[in-house]
Amino acid sequence: MTLPQARTVGDLVTEMARLYPENFAIIHRRRRMTFAELEASMKAHGSAMLAAGVQKGDIVSVLSANTPEWLEIAVGCASIGAVLCPLNTWNKDDELRRVLERVQPNLLFVGAAFAGQDLPGMVSRILGVRDGDARTGGSNGLRLQVIPIGVGASKFSRYQTFLDAGESGSRGVEQPAVAAEDVAFICFTSGSDAEPKGVLLEHGKAVVNGYHIGERQQLVPGDRLWLGTPLFYGFGLVNALPAAWTHGAALVIQDQFEPGEALSLIETERATAYYAFGNMTRKLLQHPDLPRRDISSLRTGLTGFSEVDIRLAVEELGVTGCCSMYGQTEAHGLCFLSDSSDPVEVRMATQGRPIDGWEYRLDTAVSMDESLPPGAGELLVKGRLSPGYFNDSCATRDAFTDDGFLRTGDLALIDQNGRMIYVGRRKEMIKVGAINVAPVEVEALLQTHPDVDDAYVVGVSDAERFEVLAAFVVAKDRGLGAGDLKAHVKARASSFKVPTHVYFIDATEVPRTTSGKVLKRSLREMADRLANDEN
């Protein structure tokens, strides 16, 4: 498929509506929309925002489950040059308050309660909004309009009124011109090691990079891409969305990931592309409904970062063309990606080649250690990069080199065929004696044990060897012992890679950020306490 002419998200919807008007753009259990219908809704939402006083460059936020309305708001923003800042539905009150105070949105769309989160109630507590109030000024100085979306969002009953006002209220208001270099989205990173940063993402780069991501997966018009993660993730907003829509394909979404519903949705809608992380694949494989569900329509897609993640998706779930990947939010999704036609061994062992338009270099000065693979270094990338972080010039300056490369903080090497092999996070390297050990390598070894569901490795202070390895293991079988796992690793790797400490932990006890990333610093603190108790 050829690269679309559109260089803004709004123009992309219009172009797909012209080329594939009857193709579905959105599929949800409650509603489905063709590209033609999405274009009409985009215009209606854009008009309503203009009537509400939103101007080009203003920020609009949405706090909601994965719903059609979420996507309608996103494209409505895009059509008038407003900037969408999606909010994390897993945030607690203080976390949400900090983000709102930083971005100061003009409009805040609030979805119904779901997954135990009373979203309207949370906004009421933060802003002091009384039932029915749409405009508020809280003690924190915020002044914005709060508008409900979705079924059951009765606490703020203004959504249809908001849309109706757009029909007349925007007459005579000039439609802003939107350019490729304009900011489309602000996506906040997870902040596993620091305060979350708002990554600025541009229209043109999101569209073009998304197209190339879709090409590597060999997406075609009419495909149906099932998305397991929240839309507020970069994996959804600047990866799945543009990859699908630049190819005339549908996004198949559910309010939240639930494995039984996911299997049913994939079967019923005959989804063809799979977008999920490794923990989601494991939950699907373990679900009792899997044997009776026909998910053979899945042929391509993207999944986690480890060899085990790819193997599970390809060999056990049956997504034979599932691709390996590497990227960061700052890269508008991805910058390295395998091809769905690559041999499965290649997809399991590497993160693929650079996506068209990307270049890289390795800073080997940071990894002068004989224990690392020859040629390994910190990965620096340049291409369709974010222009920086929202209102954070210091973080922007620190993240980029003088010649425009992003410092990823990841250690990697490039094989003889130009494919990238991920070694680990630079800051997470563990120094056992005088030897650097990459936690991801030991985690992968532990995950090959048939009774291990997941594993996380951190360093623990040691008087003799500076650091030793501590492994937190989520086991399938309660009879699994620490000695079993140590023997498993010792049979497959050097002795310095064998964990000194093995702690068994329930999956619900793994500390995570609100966006789901594992908090390694919290695990290190836990390991230090446990190791001290042992001594």
Protein backbone atom coordinates (compact mmCIF):
# COMPACT_ATOMS: atom_id res chain seq x y z
CA MET A 1 0.00 0.00 0.00
CA THR A 2 1.28 3.49 -0.82
CA LEU A 3 1.92 6.19 1.77
CA PRO A 4 -1.18 8.37 2.23
CA GLN A 5 -0.96 11.98 1.07
CA ALA A 6 -2.30 13.23 4.41
CA ARG A 7 0.17 14.70 6.88
CA THR A 8 -2.26 15.48 9.68
CA VAL A 9 -4.49 13.11 11.62
CA GLY A 10 -7.63 14.97 10.51
CA ASP A 11 -6.65 14.85 6.85
CA LEU A 12 -5.88 11.14 7.24
CA VAL A 13 -9.46 10.44 8.37
CA THR A 14 -10.76 12.46 5.41
CA GLU A 15 -8.49 10.62 2.96
CA MET A 16 -9.52 7.19 4.26
CA ALA A 17 -13.19 8.27 4.12
CA ARG A 18 -12.70 9.05 0.45
CA LEU A 19 -10.75 5.87 -0.36
CA TYR A 20 -12.54 3.38 1.92
CA PRO A 21 -15.83 4.98 3.03
CA GLU A 22 -17.48 1.68 3.99
CA ASN A 23 -14.45 0.17 5.76
CA PHE A 24 -14.80 0.12 9.50
CA ALA A 25 -12.53 2.53 11.37
CA ILE A 26 -13.73 1.65 14.88
CA ILE A 27 -15.24 -1.55 16.22
CA HIS A 28 -16.51 -1.70 19.80
CA ARG A 29 -19.13 -3.93 21.43
CA ARG A 30 -21.49 -0.94 21.72
CA ARG A 31 -20.82 0.89 18.45
CA ARG A 32 -18.97 0.58 15.18
CA MET A 33 -18.12 3.35 12.75
CA THR A 34 -17.03 3.41 9.12
CA PHE A 35 -14.44 5.90 7.95
CA ALA A 36 -17.24 7.94 6.36
CA GLU A 37 -19.08 8.04 9.68
CA LEU A 38 -15.91 8.88 11.55
CA GLU A 39 -15.22 11.80 9.22
CA ALA A 40 -18.72 13.20 9.86
CA SER A 41 -18.26 12.77 13.60
CA MET A 42 -14.83 14.41 13.42
CA LYS A 43 -16.34 17.49 11.81
CA ALA A 44 -19.14 17.60 14.40
CA HIS A 45 -16.72 17.33 17.31
CA GLY A 46 -14.38 19.91 15.80
CA SER A 47 -17.27 22.35 15.32
CA ALA A 48 -18.45 21.80 18.87
CA MET A 49 -14.98 22.50 20.23
CA LEU A 50 -14.73 25.71 18.22
CA ALA A 51 -18.15 26.76 19.51
CA ALA A 52 -16.94 26.07 23.06
CA GLY A 53 -14.07 28.49 22.51
CA VAL A 54 -11.27 26.02 21.86
CA GLN A 55 -8.61 27.44 19.56
CA LYS A 56 -5.70 25.95 17.68
CA GLY A 57 -2.99 24.93 20.13
CA ASP A 58 -5.35 24.72 23.11
CA ILE A 59 -5.20 21.53 25.14
CA VAL A 60 -8.13 19.13 25.44
CA SER A 61 -8.04 16.12 27.77
CA VAL A 62 -10.02 12.90 27.94
CA LEU A 63 -10.32 10.61 30.96
CA SER A 64 -12.14 7.50 29.84
CA ALA A 65 -12.05 3.82 29.05
CA ASN A 66 -11.34 2.76 25.45
CA THR A 67 -14.57 3.86 23.78
CA PRO A 68 -15.61 5.16 20.35
CA GLU A 69 -16.18 8.58 21.95
CA TRP A 70 -12.53 8.66 23.04
CA LEU A 71 -11.45 8.34 19.41
CA GLU A 72 -14.08 10.79 18.15
CA ILE A 73 -12.74 13.41 20.55
CA ALA A 74 -9.18 12.67 19.43
CA VAL A 75 -9.94 13.25 15.75
CA GLY A 76 -12.13 16.26 16.56
CA CYS A 77 -9.13 17.85 18.27
CA ALA A 78 -6.90 16.96 15.34
CA SER A 79 -9.25 18.56 12.81
CA ILE A 80 -8.99 22.03 14.41
CA GLY A 81 -5.39 21.89 15.62
CA ALA A 82 -6.23 21.45 19.30
CA VAL A 83 -3.78 19.27 21.25
CA LEU A 84 -5.11 16.09 22.85
CA CYS A 85 -3.59 15.18 26.22
CA PRO A 86 -5.10 11.82 27.20
CA LEU A 87 -5.24 11.08 30.91
CA ASN A 88 -4.32 7.84 32.61
CA THR A 89 -7.43 6.14 34.02
CA TRP A 90 -5.26 4.26 36.53
CA ASN A 91 -4.13 7.48 38.18
CA LYS A 92 -5.02 8.26 41.76
CA ASP A 93 -6.43 11.66 42.76
CA ASP A 94 -3.07 13.31 43.47
CA GLU A 95 -1.48 11.99 40.28
CA LEU A 96 -4.38 13.23 38.15
CA ARG A 97 -4.40 16.58 39.92
CA ARG A 98 -0.69 17.13 39.17
CA VAL A 99 -1.15 16.40 35.47
CA LEU A 100 -4.19 18.69 35.20
CA GLU A 101 -2.33 21.49 36.94
CA ARG A 102 0.59 21.08 34.54
CA VAL A 103 -1.31 21.00 31.25
CA GLN A 104 -4.27 23.29 32.14
CA PRO A 105 -6.73 21.83 29.57
CA ASN A 106 -9.56 23.96 28.21
CA LEU A 107 -11.91 20.98 27.97
CA LEU A 108 -11.96 17.80 30.02
CA PHE A 109 -14.10 14.91 28.75
CA VAL A 110 -14.92 12.42 31.49
CA GLY A 111 -16.12 8.86 30.88
CA ALA A 112 -18.30 6.66 33.02
CA ALA A 113 -17.03 4.67 35.97
CA PHE A 114 -15.33 1.41 35.02
CA ALA A 115 -12.95 -1.17 36.49
CA GLY A 116 -13.58 0.14 39.98
CA GLN A 117 -12.63 3.69 39.02
CA ASP A 118 -15.31 6.32 39.59
CA LEU A 119 -13.93 8.76 37.04
CA PRO A 120 -16.67 11.41 37.45
CA GLY A 121 -16.28 11.15 41.22
CA MET A 122 -12.52 11.57 40.96
CA VAL A 123 -12.93 14.74 38.88
CA SER A 124 -15.53 16.05 41.34
CA ARG A 125 -13.12 15.57 44.24
CA ILE A 126 -10.22 17.22 42.44
CA LEU A 127 -12.06 20.19 40.96
CA GLY A 128 -14.91 20.66 43.41
CA VAL A 129 -17.50 20.22 40.67
CA ARG A 130 -21.11 19.83 41.79
CA ASP A 131 -23.38 17.43 39.92
CA GLY A 132 -24.48 19.08 36.70
CA ASP A 133 -21.82 21.80 36.67
CA ALA A 134 -19.98 21.93 33.39
CA ARG A 135 -17.76 24.95 34.03
CA THR A 136 -15.63 25.06 37.11
CA GLY A 137 -12.85 26.93 38.78
CA GLY A 138 -11.21 24.95 41.56
CA SER A 139 -9.01 26.09 44.44
CA ASN A 140 -5.99 25.05 42.35
CA GLY A 141 -6.75 27.78 39.82
CA LEU A 142 -7.93 25.45 37.07
CA ARG A 143 -10.76 26.77 34.95
CA LEU A 144 -12.13 24.39 32.37
CA GLN A 145 -15.25 22.80 31.01
CA VAL A 146 -16.03 19.27 32.17
CA ILE A 147 -18.11 17.26 29.74
CA PRO A 148 -19.35 13.65 30.14
CA ILE A 149 -18.94 10.97 27.49
CA GLY A 150 -20.13 7.41 27.11
CA VAL A 151 -22.96 5.36 28.47
CA GLY A 152 -23.66 5.92 32.15
CA ALA A 153 -21.77 9.20 32.47
CA SER A 154 -24.85 10.87 33.98
CA LYS A 155 -22.99 12.85 36.62
CA PHE A 156 -22.15 15.50 33.99
CA SER A 157 -25.05 15.43 31.55
CA ARG A 158 -23.71 17.85 28.93
CA TYR A 159 -22.21 15.77 26.10
CA GLN A 160 -25.11 15.93 23.64
CA THR A 161 -25.70 19.57 24.51
CA PHE A 162 -22.04 20.21 23.73
CA LEU A 163 -22.37 18.54 20.32
CA ASP A 164 -25.66 20.26 19.51
CA ALA A 165 -24.14 23.64 20.26
CA GLY A 166 -21.53 23.02 17.60
CA GLU A 167 -24.11 22.99 14.82
CA SER A 168 -24.90 26.68 15.24
CA GLY A 169 -22.24 28.01 17.58
CA SER A 170 -19.34 27.48 15.19
CA ARG A 171 -20.91 29.30 12.26
CA GLY A 172 -18.70 32.14 11.18
CA VAL A 173 -15.76 30.75 13.15
CA GLU A 174 -12.78 30.30 10.85
CA GLN A 175 -11.53 26.72 10.58
CA PRO A 176 -7.88 26.71 11.68
CA ALA A 177 -5.24 25.44 9.24
CA VAL A 178 -3.38 22.47 10.68
CA ALA A 179 0.17 21.63 9.57
CA ALA A 180 2.29 18.49 9.71
CA GLU A 181 4.66 20.03 12.24
CA ASP A 182 1.87 21.03 14.64
CA VAL A 183 1.65 19.13 17.92
CA ALA A 184 -1.22 16.63 17.89
CA PHE A 185 -0.79 14.86 21.23
CA ILE A 186 0.89 15.14 24.62
CA CYS A 187 1.55 11.66 26.02
CA PHE A 188 2.86 11.40 29.56
CA THR A 189 5.51 8.75 30.10
CA SER A 190 5.14 6.27 32.91
CA GLY A 191 7.76 7.78 35.18
CA SER A 192 9.20 4.49 36.47
CA ASP A 193 12.39 6.28 37.54
CA ALA A 194 11.29 9.93 37.64
CA GLU A 195 8.33 12.30 37.47
CA PRO A 196 6.34 11.63 34.28
CA LYS A 197 7.21 13.85 31.32
CA GLY A 198 4.75 15.05 28.70
CA VAL A 199 6.07 13.97 25.29
CA LEU A 200 5.08 16.27 22.41
CA LEU A 201 3.98 14.33 19.31
CA GLU A 202 3.44 15.86 15.87
CA HIS A 203 0.79 15.19 13.25
CA GLY A 204 3.02 14.45 10.29
CA LYS A 205 5.48 12.27 12.15
CA ALA A 206 2.69 10.23 13.74
CA VAL A 207 1.04 9.60 10.36
CA VAL A 208 4.19 8.71 8.43
CA ASN A 209 5.77 6.62 11.18
CA GLY A 210 2.48 4.81 11.72
CA TYR A 211 2.33 3.98 8.03
CA HIS A 212 5.76 2.35 8.10
CA ILE A 213 4.84 0.42 11.25
CA GLY A 214 1.82 -0.94 9.43
CA GLU A 215 3.88 -1.82 6.38
CA ARG A 216 6.25 -4.02 8.39
CA GLN A 217 3.20 -5.89 9.68
CA GLN A 218 1.85 -6.16 6.12
CA LEU A 219 -1.48 -4.59 7.04
CA VAL A 220 -4.02 -4.18 4.24
CA PRO A 221 -7.35 -2.35 3.84
CA GLY A 222 -10.09 -4.14 5.72
CA ASP A 223 -7.78 -5.57 8.38
CA ARG A 224 -9.02 -5.46 11.96
CA LEU A 225 -6.43 -4.57 14.59
CA TRP A 226 -7.33 -5.69 18.10
CA LEU A 227 -5.79 -3.39 20.72
CA GLY A 228 -5.32 -4.79 24.21
CA THR A 229 -3.77 -1.73 25.85
CA PRO A 230 -5.36 1.59 26.84
CA LEU A 231 -5.60 4.27 24.18
CA PHE A 232 -3.79 6.71 26.47
CA TYR A 233 -0.63 4.62 25.99
CA GLY A 234 1.66 5.68 23.18
CA PHE A 235 1.35 2.05 22.03
CA GLY A 236 -2.28 2.78 21.24
CA LEU A 237 -2.39 6.44 20.25
CA VAL A 238 0.74 6.83 18.09
CA ASN A 239 1.30 3.20 17.12
CA ALA A 240 -1.86 1.16 16.69
CA LEU A 241 -4.07 4.06 15.58
CA PRO A 242 -1.93 5.43 12.73
CA ALA A 243 -0.72 1.95 11.71
CA ALA A 244 -4.33 0.84 11.22
CA TRP A 245 -5.83 4.00 9.78
CA THR A 246 -3.05 4.67 7.24
CA HIS A 247 -3.99 1.24 5.83
CA GLY A 248 -7.77 1.57 5.80
CA ALA A 249 -7.97 -0.89 8.71
CA ALA A 250 -10.17 -0.89 11.80
CA LEU A 251 -9.26 -0.52 15.45
CA VAL A 252 -11.03 -3.19 17.51
CA ILE A 253 -11.23 -1.88 21.07
CA GLN A 254 -12.68 -2.91 24.40
CA ASP A 255 -13.23 -0.70 27.45
CA GLN A 256 -10.40 -2.44 29.27
CA PHE A 257 -8.40 -5.62 28.81
CA GLU A 258 -10.22 -8.67 30.14
CA PRO A 259 -8.96 -11.95 28.63
CA GLY A 260 -12.32 -13.68 28.29
CA GLU A 261 -13.92 -10.69 26.56
CA ALA A 262 -10.80 -10.24 24.43
CA LEU A 263 -10.97 -13.83 23.13
CA SER A 264 -14.68 -13.42 22.37
CA LEU A 265 -14.11 -10.11 20.59
CA ILE A 266 -11.22 -11.44 18.50
CA GLU A 267 -13.31 -14.44 17.46
CA THR A 268 -16.53 -12.55 16.75
CA GLU A 269 -14.92 -9.70 14.83
CA ARG A 270 -12.36 -11.94 13.09
CA ALA A 271 -9.50 -9.69 14.15
CA THR A 272 -6.42 -10.05 11.96
CA ALA A 273 -3.77 -8.05 13.87
CA TYR A 274 -2.76 -8.49 17.51
CA TYR A 275 -1.52 -5.62 19.70
CA ALA A 276 -0.69 -6.65 23.26
CA PHE A 277 2.14 -7.03 25.73
CA GLY A 278 3.55 -10.31 26.98
CA ASN A 279 1.58 -10.37 30.23
CA MET A 280 -1.64 -10.12 28.22
CA THR A 281 -0.59 -13.01 25.97
CA ARG A 282 -0.03 -15.14 29.05
CA LYS A 283 -3.48 -14.29 30.41
CA LEU A 284 -5.10 -15.24 27.11
CA LEU A 285 -3.22 -18.54 27.02
CA GLN A 286 -4.24 -19.34 30.58
CA HIS A 287 -7.91 -18.46 30.15
CA PRO A 288 -10.33 -21.42 30.25
CA ASP A 289 -12.24 -20.10 27.21
CA LEU A 290 -9.23 -20.35 24.87
CA PRO A 291 -9.83 -23.97 23.69
CA ARG A 292 -13.35 -23.14 22.51
CA ARG A 293 -12.51 -19.85 20.81
CA ASP A 294 -11.51 -19.67 17.15
CA ILE A 295 -8.88 -16.93 16.94
CA SER A 296 -7.22 -18.32 13.81
CA SER A 297 -8.00 -15.07 11.96
CA LEU A 298 -5.01 -13.43 13.74
CA ARG A 299 -2.03 -13.38 11.39
CA THR A 300 0.17 -10.37 12.29
CA GLY A 301 0.70 -7.72 14.93
CA LEU A 302 3.09 -6.57 17.63
CA THR A 303 3.92 -7.85 21.08
CA GLY A 304 6.40 -7.40 23.95
CA PHE A 305 10.13 -7.14 23.85
CA SER A 306 11.50 -10.51 24.90
CA GLU A 307 12.15 -13.72 23.02
CA VAL A 308 9.60 -15.45 25.24
CA ASP A 309 6.91 -12.88 24.40
CA ILE A 310 7.33 -13.49 20.67
CA ARG A 311 7.46 -17.25 21.07
CA LEU A 312 4.25 -17.35 23.09
CA ALA A 313 2.39 -15.17 20.58
CA VAL A 314 3.64 -17.02 17.51
CA GLU A 315 3.84 -20.63 18.62
CA GLU A 316 1.18 -20.90 21.32
CA LEU A 317 -1.37 -18.21 20.47
CA GLY A 318 -0.94 -18.77 16.74
CA VAL A 319 -0.20 -15.22 15.56
CA THR A 320 2.34 -16.51 13.06
CA GLY A 321 3.36 -13.11 11.68
CA CYS A 322 3.70 -11.31 15.01
CA CYS A 323 6.60 -8.83 14.92
CA SER A 324 9.27 -7.92 17.45
CA MET A 325 9.83 -4.23 18.05
CA TYR A 326 11.73 -1.47 19.79
CA GLY A 327 10.71 2.10 20.40
CA GLN A 328 9.93 4.86 22.82
CA THR A 329 7.12 7.38 23.00
CA GLU A 330 9.62 10.02 21.88
CA ALA A 331 10.01 8.07 18.62
CA HIS A 332 6.33 8.38 17.70
CA GLY A 333 5.86 4.72 18.53
CA LEU A 334 8.74 2.67 17.15
CA CYS A 335 12.09 3.07 15.41
CA PHE A 336 13.13 -0.60 15.01
CA LEU A 337 10.77 -3.33 13.84
CA SER A 338 11.01 -6.77 12.34
CA ASP A 339 8.94 -7.79 9.32
CA SER A 340 6.08 -10.24 9.67
CA SER A 341 7.70 -12.32 6.93
CA ASP A 342 11.03 -12.61 8.75
CA PRO A 343 11.84 -16.12 10.01
CA VAL A 344 10.44 -16.62 13.49
CA GLU A 345 13.96 -17.23 14.82
CA VAL A 346 14.93 -13.72 13.67
CA ARG A 347 11.86 -12.16 15.27
CA MET A 348 12.60 -13.96 18.53
CA ALA A 349 16.29 -13.03 18.65
CA THR A 350 16.23 -9.41 17.44
CA GLN A 351 14.10 -6.26 17.42
CA GLY A 352 14.43 -5.96 13.66
CA ARG A 353 15.92 -3.30 11.41
CA PRO A 354 15.47 0.49 11.59
CA ILE A 355 12.15 1.67 10.22
CA ASP A 356 12.47 3.72 7.02
CA GLY A 357 13.60 7.24 7.85
CA TRP A 358 15.50 6.32 11.01
CA GLU A 359 19.21 6.26 11.69
CA TYR A 360 21.15 5.19 14.75
CA ARG A 361 24.55 5.01 16.35
CA LEU A 362 25.96 3.20 19.36
CA ASP A 363 27.90 5.01 22.06
CA THR A 364 30.30 2.24 23.05
CA ALA A 365 32.17 4.49 25.48
CA VAL A 366 29.45 3.83 28.08
CA SER A 367 29.91 0.07 28.00
CA MET A 368 33.62 -0.66 28.09
CA ASP A 369 33.17 -3.95 29.88
CA GLU A 370 34.29 -7.35 28.65
CA SER A 371 31.15 -8.98 30.06
CA LEU A 372 28.95 -7.14 27.55
CA PRO A 373 28.59 -8.45 24.00
CA PRO A 374 31.27 -7.07 21.65
CA GLY A 375 30.07 -3.88 20.00
CA ALA A 376 27.33 -3.17 22.53
CA GLY A 377 26.70 0.44 23.47
CA GLU A 378 24.03 2.94 24.36
CA LEU A 379 21.57 3.28 21.48
CA LEU A 380 21.07 6.76 20.05
CA VAL A 381 18.39 7.27 17.40
CA LYS A 382 17.42 10.02 14.99
CA GLY A 383 14.44 10.31 12.70
CA ARG A 384 10.80 11.17 13.36
CA LEU A 385 11.52 12.26 16.92
CA SER A 386 9.45 14.29 19.34
CA PRO A 387 10.44 17.97 19.44
CA GLY A 388 10.75 17.60 23.22
CA TYR A 389 8.80 17.65 26.47
CA PHE A 390 5.89 19.85 27.45
CA ASN A 391 7.14 22.93 29.35
CA ASP A 392 10.38 21.17 30.27
CA SER A 393 13.37 22.64 28.45
CA CYS A 394 15.85 21.03 30.85
CA ALA A 395 14.57 17.51 30.22
CA THR A 396 14.48 18.22 26.48
CA ARG A 397 18.10 19.42 26.49
CA ASP A 398 19.26 16.39 28.48
CA ALA A 399 17.45 13.89 26.24
CA PHE A 400 18.98 14.95 22.92
CA THR A 401 22.52 15.32 21.61
CA ASP A 402 23.71 18.49 19.91
CA ASP A 403 23.29 16.83 16.50
CA GLY A 404 19.70 15.75 17.17
CA PHE A 405 19.96 12.14 18.37
CA LEU A 406 17.79 10.86 21.23
CA ARG A 407 19.68 9.27 24.09
CA THR A 408 17.52 6.20 24.69
CA GLY A 409 19.26 4.97 27.83
CA ASP A 410 19.14 1.45 26.38
CA LEU A 411 22.11 -0.81 25.64
CA ALA A 412 22.00 -2.59 22.31
CA LEU A 413 24.11 -4.08 19.57
CA ILE A 414 23.59 -4.44 15.84
CA ASP A 415 24.13 -7.83 14.20
CA GLN A 416 25.78 -8.51 10.84
CA ASN A 417 22.42 -8.15 9.09
CA GLY A 418 21.68 -4.71 10.50
CA ARG A 419 19.16 -5.93 13.09
CA MET A 420 19.10 -4.55 16.60
CA ILE A 421 19.50 -6.78 19.66
CA TYR A 422 18.32 -5.30 22.93
CA VAL A 423 20.78 -5.80 25.79
CA GLY A 424 19.11 -3.91 28.64
CA ARG A 425 18.59 -0.57 30.33
CA ARG A 426 21.86 1.23 30.98
CA LYS A 427 20.75 2.27 34.48
CA GLU A 428 19.57 -1.25 35.32
CA MET A 429 22.87 -3.02 34.66
CA ILE A 430 23.98 -4.99 37.74
CA LYS A 431 27.67 -5.20 38.61
CA VAL A 432 28.38 -8.67 40.04
CA GLY A 433 31.98 -8.45 41.16
CA ALA A 434 33.63 -6.69 38.23
CA ILE A 435 31.16 -8.02 35.65
CA ASN A 436 28.09 -6.24 34.30
CA VAL A 437 24.96 -8.38 34.04
CA ALA A 438 21.87 -7.35 32.09
CA PRO A 439 18.74 -8.18 34.14
CA VAL A 440 16.72 -8.76 30.98
CA GLU A 441 18.98 -11.67 30.02
CA VAL A 442 18.51 -13.46 33.35
CA GLU A 443 14.79 -12.71 33.29
CA ALA A 444 14.55 -14.34 29.87
CA LEU A 445 16.38 -17.42 31.14
CA LEU A 446 14.05 -17.74 34.11
CA GLN A 447 11.01 -17.34 31.87
CA THR A 448 12.04 -20.39 29.86
CA HIS A 449 11.28 -22.59 32.88
CA PRO A 450 7.88 -24.22 32.26
CA ASP A 451 6.62 -23.38 35.75
CA VAL A 452 7.50 -19.67 35.60
CA ASP A 453 4.88 -17.15 34.55
CA ASP A 454 7.09 -14.07 34.90
CA ALA A 455 10.38 -12.98 36.45
CA TYR A 456 12.04 -9.71 37.44
CA VAL A 457 15.72 -9.38 38.34
CA VAL A 458 17.38 -6.60 40.35
CA GLY A 459 20.70 -6.03 42.11
CA VAL A 460 21.23 -6.35 45.87
CA SER A 461 24.21 -4.86 47.71
CA ASP A 462 26.84 -7.42 48.70
CA ALA A 463 29.95 -6.85 50.81
CA GLU A 464 32.16 -9.19 48.77
CA ARG A 465 30.90 -8.83 45.20
CA PHE A 466 29.47 -5.27 45.31
CA GLU A 467 26.13 -6.61 44.00
CA VAL A 468 24.42 -9.96 43.55
CA LEU A 469 21.29 -10.91 41.66
CA ALA A 470 17.86 -11.16 43.27
CA ALA A 471 14.99 -12.64 41.27
CA PHE A 472 11.30 -12.06 41.95
CA VAL A 473 9.38 -14.91 40.34
CA VAL A 474 5.68 -15.31 39.59
CA ALA A 475 5.29 -19.09 39.52
CA LYS A 476 2.60 -21.25 37.90
CA ASP A 477 3.33 -24.14 40.27
CA ARG A 478 3.53 -23.55 44.02
CA GLY A 479 5.84 -26.53 44.32
CA LEU A 480 8.59 -24.70 42.41
CA GLY A 481 11.64 -24.03 44.58
CA ALA A 482 14.49 -21.55 44.52
CA GLY A 483 16.99 -24.37 43.98
CA ASP A 484 15.10 -25.51 40.88
CA LEU A 485 15.44 -22.08 39.31
CA LYS A 486 19.08 -21.62 40.25
CA ALA A 487 19.88 -24.97 38.64
CA HIS A 488 17.87 -24.02 35.58
CA VAL A 489 19.91 -20.84 35.05
CA LYS A 490 23.24 -22.47 35.93
CA ALA A 491 22.71 -25.10 33.23
CA ARG A 492 22.25 -22.39 30.63
CA ALA A 493 24.51 -19.49 31.62
CA SER A 494 27.66 -18.46 33.43
CA SER A 495 27.67 -18.84 37.19
CA PHE A 496 27.69 -15.07 37.80
CA LYS A 497 24.24 -14.92 36.15
CA VAL A 498 22.72 -17.32 38.69
CA PRO A 499 20.51 -15.40 41.18
CA THR A 500 21.78 -15.49 44.74
CA HIS A 501 18.29 -14.74 46.05
CA VAL A 502 15.00 -16.03 44.66
CA TYR A 503 11.75 -14.65 46.02
CA PHE A 504 8.34 -15.91 44.98
CA ILE A 505 5.70 -13.25 44.56
CA ASP A 506 2.09 -13.08 43.40
CA ALA A 507 1.45 -11.17 40.18
CA THR A 508 -0.73 -8.69 42.07
CA GLU A 509 2.19 -7.88 44.39
CA VAL A 510 4.52 -6.71 41.61
CA PRO A 511 4.92 -2.91 42.07
CA ARG A 512 3.94 -1.02 38.94
CA THR A 513 3.48 2.52 37.73
CA THR A 514 -0.04 3.68 36.92
CA SER A 515 0.64 2.82 33.27
CA GLY A 516 1.62 -0.74 34.13
CA LYS A 517 5.43 -0.67 33.96
CA VAL A 518 7.28 -2.59 36.65
CA LEU A 519 8.89 -0.34 39.27
CA LYS A 520 12.37 -1.82 39.48
CA ARG A 521 13.43 0.66 42.17
CA SER A 522 10.64 -0.64 44.43
CA LEU A 523 11.75 -4.20 43.75
CA ARG A 524 15.32 -3.27 44.67
CA GLU A 525 14.10 -1.85 47.97
CA MET A 526 12.10 -5.03 48.64
CA ALA A 527 15.09 -7.20 47.77
CA ASP A 528 17.40 -5.23 50.08
CA ARG A 529 14.98 -5.66 52.99
CA LEU A 530 14.52 -9.37 52.35
CA ALA A 531 18.25 -9.97 51.96
CA ASN A 532 18.97 -8.10 55.20
CA ASP A 533 16.37 -10.22 56.99
CA GLU A 534 18.10 -13.36 55.71
CA ASN A 535 21.42 -12.16 57.13
